[in-house]
Structures are given as C-alpha cells and as structure tokens.
Amino acid sequence: MADGAAGEVHHVQIQDAKLHYHARTDEFYYIIDGQGTMVLDDETIELHKGVVVYVPRGVKHKAIGNLTVLTALVGSPYLPA
C-alpha cells in the first residue's frame, strides 16, 4: 500500500473499471448497491447487492456495471512483488 499499511478500505462507484491486478495484495469487493459483472481472469461473476467477491493477488480483474462497492485490500508491504 502507498503508506506501508497492511490494508486499505475504499467506498467507490464503479461503472467500467480497467482490467488490472495487485501483485502484493488480496482484494475483497462487497457490493453495497447496483448490478453488474466481475471478470476474474477467465471467469465472469454476476454482481448484485450483498455479494462479496474475493480476488487473490495476481488475478486480473475488473468490475462492469453500475455499482456502489466497498473494497478492502489486504496484504503485506514486505512481500516481494
């Protein structure tokens, strides 16, 4: 994480995220509101209110739709990339 913390939490609006991955952190998405899909490498998951998605480090992912999301990134700033 940017400040060396072991975790971060963000409240975000997502419509069409870019495909990306995190080398040092795992990520959790909690869908607060809305609908859409999440691409995890070659898998597609339906998203709606109440769904939680776990994205392990290194997995390419993106969310698509009209979503209000709580994201939590958890990792160690001491792990090599």
C-alpha atoms as a PDB file:
ATOM      1  CA  MET A   1       0.000   0.000   0.000  1.00  0.00           C
ATOM      2  CA  ALA A   2       1.121   3.514  -0.625  1.00  0.00           C
ATOM      3  CA  ASP A   3       1.738   4.342   3.037  1.00  0.00           C
ATOM      4  CA  GLY A   4       3.069   0.923   4.076  1.00  0.00           C
ATOM      5  CA  ALA A   5      -0.182  -0.092   5.803  1.00  0.00           C
ATOM      6  CA  ALA A   6      -1.291  -3.737   5.857  1.00  0.00           C
ATOM      7  CA  GLY A   7      -4.743  -2.864   4.498  1.00  0.00           C
ATOM      8  CA  GLU A   8      -6.957  -0.251   2.887  1.00  0.00           C
ATOM      9  CA  VAL A   9     -10.739   0.155   2.601  1.00  0.00           C
ATOM     10  CA  HIS A  10     -12.465   2.289  -0.048  1.00  0.00           C
ATOM     11  CA  HIS A  11     -16.092   3.214  -0.771  1.00  0.00           C
ATOM     12  CA  VAL A  12     -16.306   3.629  -4.567  1.00  0.00           C
ATOM     13  CA  GLN A  13     -18.663   3.945  -7.514  1.00  0.00           C
ATOM     14  CA  ILE A  14     -17.734   1.638 -10.396  1.00  0.00           C
ATOM     15  CA  GLN A  15     -19.101   1.676 -13.927  1.00  0.00           C
ATOM     16  CA  ASP A  16     -16.385   0.246 -16.150  1.00  0.00           C
ATOM     17  CA  ALA A  17     -13.114  -0.489 -14.373  1.00  0.00           C
ATOM     18  CA  LYS A  18      -9.922  -1.237 -16.282  1.00  0.00           C
ATOM     19  CA  LEU A  19      -8.547  -4.776 -16.182  1.00  0.00           C
ATOM     20  CA  HIS A  20      -5.798  -4.802 -13.536  1.00  0.00           C
ATOM     21  CA  TYR A  21      -4.166  -6.890 -10.822  1.00  0.00           C
ATOM     22  CA  HIS A  22      -2.445  -6.390  -7.484  1.00  0.00           C
ATOM     23  CA  ALA A  23       0.959  -8.057  -7.017  1.00  0.00           C
ATOM     24  CA  ARG A  24       1.132  -7.705  -3.221  1.00  0.00           C
ATOM     25  CA  THR A  25      -2.462  -7.588  -2.001  1.00  0.00           C
ATOM     26  CA  ASP A  26      -5.643  -9.637  -1.969  1.00  0.00           C
ATOM     27  CA  GLU A  27      -8.860  -7.687  -2.552  1.00  0.00           C
ATOM     28  CA  PHE A  28     -12.428  -8.099  -1.375  1.00  0.00           C
ATOM     29  CA  TYR A  29     -15.399  -6.431  -3.071  1.00  0.00           C
ATOM     30  CA  TYR A  30     -18.649  -6.018  -1.133  1.00  0.00           C
ATOM     31  CA  ILE A  31     -21.481  -4.848  -3.386  1.00  0.00           C
ATOM     32  CA  ILE A  32     -23.461  -2.227  -1.479  1.00  0.00           C
ATOM     33  CA  ASP A  33     -25.837  -1.443  -4.343  1.00  0.00           C
ATOM     34  CA  GLY A  34     -26.285  -1.932  -8.068  1.00  0.00           C
ATOM     35  CA  GLN A  35     -25.776  -4.709 -10.587  1.00  0.00           C
ATOM     36  CA  GLY A  36     -23.058  -5.796 -12.962  1.00  0.00           C
ATOM     37  CA  THR A  37     -20.369  -8.380 -13.561  1.00  0.00           C
ATOM     38  CA  MET A  38     -16.830  -9.051 -12.379  1.00  0.00           C
ATOM     39  CA  VAL A  39     -14.209 -10.618 -14.624  1.00  0.00           C
ATOM     40  CA  LEU A  40     -11.592 -12.691 -12.740  1.00  0.00           C
ATOM     41  CA  ASP A  41      -9.010 -13.972 -15.234  1.00  0.00           C
ATOM     42  CA  ASP A  42     -11.257 -16.169 -17.453  1.00  0.00           C
ATOM     43  CA  GLU A  43     -14.269 -16.334 -15.096  1.00  0.00           C
ATOM     44  CA  THR A  44     -17.270 -13.955 -15.023  1.00  0.00           C
ATOM     45  CA  ILE A  45     -19.328 -13.479 -11.845  1.00  0.00           C
ATOM     46  CA  GLU A  46     -22.736 -11.789 -11.589  1.00  0.00           C
ATOM     47  CA  LEU A  47     -22.785  -8.916  -9.099  1.00  0.00           C
ATOM     48  CA  HIS A  48     -25.730  -7.553  -7.117  1.00  0.00           C
ATOM     49  CA  LYS A  49     -26.404  -6.088  -3.695  1.00  0.00           C
ATOM     50  CA  GLY A  50     -24.928  -8.223  -0.903  1.00  0.00           C
ATOM     51  CA  VAL A  51     -22.424 -10.193  -2.998  1.00  0.00           C
ATOM     52  CA  VAL A  52     -18.842 -10.499  -1.739  1.00  0.00           C
ATOM     53  CA  VAL A  53     -16.030 -11.358  -4.177  1.00  0.00           C
ATOM     54  CA  TYR A  54     -12.544 -12.451  -3.142  1.00  0.00           C
ATOM     55  CA  VAL A  55      -9.762 -11.578  -5.608  1.00  0.00           C
ATOM     56  CA  PRO A  56      -6.428 -13.245  -4.762  1.00  0.00           C
ATOM     57  CA  ARG A  57      -3.218 -11.316  -5.501  1.00  0.00           C
ATOM     58  CA  GLY A  58      -2.084 -11.710  -9.087  1.00  0.00           C
ATOM     59  CA  VAL A  59      -5.573 -12.354 -10.524  1.00  0.00           C
ATOM     60  CA  LYS A  60      -6.503  -9.948 -13.342  1.00  0.00           C
ATOM     61  CA  HIS A  61      -9.914  -8.458 -12.622  1.00  0.00           C
ATOM     62  CA  LYS A  62     -12.387  -5.709 -13.462  1.00  0.00           C
ATOM     63  CA  ALA A  63     -15.927  -4.783 -12.473  1.00  0.00           C
ATOM     64  CA  ILE A  64     -18.504  -3.625 -15.019  1.00  0.00           C
ATOM     65  CA  GLY A  65     -21.939  -2.189 -14.308  1.00  0.00           C
ATOM     66  CA  ASN A  66     -23.495   0.481 -12.151  1.00  0.00           C
ATOM     67  CA  LEU A  67     -22.103  -0.428  -8.741  1.00  0.00           C
ATOM     68  CA  THR A  68     -21.563   1.046  -5.301  1.00  0.00           C
ATOM     69  CA  VAL A  69     -18.785  -1.008  -3.747  1.00  0.00           C
ATOM     70  CA  LEU A  70     -16.768  -1.304  -0.573  1.00  0.00           C
ATOM     71  CA  THR A  71     -13.294  -2.613  -1.467  1.00  0.00           C
ATOM     72  CA  ALA A  72     -10.784  -3.923   1.035  1.00  0.00           C
ATOM     73  CA  LEU A  73      -7.182  -4.592   0.055  1.00  0.00           C
ATOM     74  CA  VAL A  74      -5.225  -6.786   2.451  1.00  0.00           C
ATOM     75  CA  GLY A  75      -1.581  -7.637   2.173  1.00  0.00           C
ATOM     76  CA  SER A  76       1.915  -7.171   3.394  1.00  0.00           C
ATOM     77  CA  PRO A  77       4.117  -4.312   2.242  1.00  0.00           C
ATOM     78  CA  TYR A  78       7.063  -6.624   2.967  1.00  0.00           C
ATOM     79  CA  LEU A  79       6.257  -9.297   0.376  1.00  0.00           C
ATOM     80  CA  PRO A  80       8.283  -9.136  -2.832  1.00  0.00           C
ATOM     81  CA  ALA A  81       6.311  -8.239  -5.966  1.00  0.00           C
END
